[in-house]
Amino acid sequence: MSQYLADVLAIHVGRPDLVVELGCQGELPLGEAPLVPSGAAVASHGPLLQTRPHADVWAAVHKLQRETGVRSVRQYVADVLALHVGRPDLVIDLGRKRELPLGEELPLAM
């Protein structure tokens, strides 16, 4: 799973030259629940996934996260992966409009 995530991020930042396995083997089937070994740490929001993408990919991911205003790299990566598997309904920050429409701001307390 770690290399799959690293490969998705490499493609996302426009570095297909750094993809190691994606496309070489069968891709992960969409819609199937990932296997979580017994005793594995599972966060309240789902399994903990770790990956070690190429340093250039990781630098580009950090840059994109800051440029898009997503609150954390962890959330940026989660949103990218949600889009990758065709689940835009699971995206939390990426591509969300940060400004409230005129007239919908909260009034200041006096």
Protein backbone atom coordinates (compact mmCIF):
# COMPACT_ATOMS: atom_id res chain seq x y z
CA MET A 1 0.00 0.00 0.00
CA SER A 2 2.86 2.36 0.82
CA GLN A 3 4.33 2.23 -2.67
CA TYR A 4 0.89 2.59 -4.24
CA LEU A 5 0.35 5.82 -2.28
CA ALA A 6 3.81 7.09 -3.19
CA ASP A 7 3.11 6.38 -6.86
CA VAL A 8 -0.27 8.16 -6.78
CA LEU A 9 1.40 11.21 -5.24
CA ALA A 10 4.17 11.15 -7.86
CA ILE A 11 1.57 11.17 -10.62
CA HIS A 12 -0.41 13.89 -8.82
CA VAL A 13 2.58 16.27 -8.74
CA GLY A 14 3.48 15.57 -12.37
CA ARG A 15 6.44 13.25 -11.79
CA PRO A 16 5.51 9.99 -13.55
CA ASP A 17 9.24 9.33 -13.90
CA LEU A 18 9.31 8.58 -10.16
CA VAL A 19 6.50 6.00 -10.27
CA VAL A 20 7.85 2.63 -9.19
CA GLU A 21 5.02 0.10 -9.36
CA LEU A 22 1.71 1.65 -10.39
CA GLY A 23 0.77 0.34 -13.79
CA CYS A 24 3.32 -2.48 -13.57
CA GLN A 25 0.97 -4.71 -11.60
CA GLY A 26 -2.76 -4.84 -11.17
CA GLU A 27 -3.95 -1.68 -9.47
CA LEU A 28 -5.89 -1.81 -6.23
CA PRO A 29 -9.51 -2.58 -6.97
CA LEU A 30 -11.82 0.31 -6.20
CA GLY A 31 -14.65 -0.17 -3.74
CA GLU A 32 -13.00 -2.95 -1.79
CA ALA A 33 -12.18 -2.35 1.85
CA PRO A 34 -8.45 -2.35 2.58
CA LEU A 35 -7.17 -5.21 4.65
CA VAL A 36 -6.11 -4.14 8.13
CA PRO A 37 -4.00 -6.70 9.97
CA SER A 38 -5.18 -7.60 13.45
CA GLY A 39 -3.47 -5.50 16.09
CA ALA A 40 -2.87 -2.63 13.66
CA ALA A 41 -3.42 0.88 14.93
CA VAL A 42 -6.67 2.24 13.54
CA ALA A 43 -7.51 5.90 14.04
CA SER A 44 -11.06 6.99 14.67
CA HIS A 45 -11.24 8.23 11.07
CA GLY A 46 -9.84 5.06 9.47
CA PRO A 47 -6.60 3.13 9.20
CA LEU A 48 -3.24 4.81 9.60
CA LEU A 49 -1.38 4.68 6.30
CA GLN A 50 2.28 5.51 5.97
CA THR A 51 4.25 6.15 2.83
CA ARG A 52 7.69 7.40 1.87
CA PRO A 53 7.46 9.12 -1.50
CA HIS A 54 10.53 10.43 -3.28
CA ALA A 55 11.89 13.62 -1.65
CA ASP A 56 11.04 15.71 -4.74
CA VAL A 57 7.46 14.42 -4.68
CA TRP A 58 7.12 15.15 -0.98
CA ALA A 59 8.44 18.70 -1.45
CA ALA A 60 5.94 19.26 -4.27
CA VAL A 61 3.08 17.89 -2.13
CA HIS A 62 3.99 20.30 0.67
CA LYS A 63 4.11 23.19 -1.79
CA LEU A 64 0.71 22.31 -3.25
CA GLN A 65 -0.77 21.91 0.22
CA ARG A 66 0.35 25.43 1.17
CA GLU A 67 -0.75 26.93 -2.16
CA THR A 68 -4.23 25.42 -1.95
CA GLY A 69 -4.73 26.46 1.67
CA VAL A 70 -5.41 22.94 2.92
CA ARG A 71 -4.81 22.93 6.67
CA SER A 72 -2.33 20.03 6.78
CA VAL A 73 -0.32 17.78 4.49
CA ARG A 74 -2.13 14.80 6.00
CA GLN A 75 -5.49 16.24 4.93
CA TYR A 76 -4.16 17.22 1.51
CA VAL A 77 -2.95 13.66 0.86
CA ALA A 78 -6.23 12.20 2.12
CA ASP A 79 -8.18 14.50 -0.21
CA VAL A 80 -5.94 13.64 -3.20
CA LEU A 81 -6.45 9.94 -2.53
CA ALA A 82 -10.23 10.37 -2.18
CA LEU A 83 -10.29 12.05 -5.59
CA HIS A 84 -8.00 9.37 -7.02
CA VAL A 85 -10.43 6.60 -6.11
CA GLY A 86 -13.43 8.54 -7.41
CA ARG A 87 -14.86 9.62 -4.04
CA PRO A 88 -15.12 13.44 -4.18
CA ASP A 89 -17.77 13.18 -1.48
CA LEU A 90 -14.98 12.31 0.99
CA VAL A 91 -12.88 15.40 0.20
CA ILE A 92 -12.70 17.72 3.19
CA ASP A 93 -10.47 20.67 2.22
CA LEU A 94 -8.99 20.39 -1.27
CA GLY A 95 -10.80 22.62 -3.73
CA ARG A 96 -13.23 23.94 -1.16
CA LYS A 97 -13.93 27.65 -1.34
CA ARG A 98 -12.42 29.35 1.69
CA GLU A 99 -14.48 32.55 1.59
CA LEU A 100 -18.09 32.80 2.68
CA PRO A 101 -20.49 34.40 0.21
CA LEU A 102 -21.16 38.09 0.83
CA GLY A 103 -23.76 38.49 3.57
CA GLU A 104 -23.16 35.08 5.12
CA GLU A 105 -20.35 36.11 7.46
CA LEU A 106 -20.90 35.80 11.20
CA PRO A 107 -21.57 39.17 12.83
CA LEU A 108 -18.95 40.43 15.27
CA ALA A 109 -19.95 40.32 18.92
CA MET A 110 -20.14 43.75 20.50
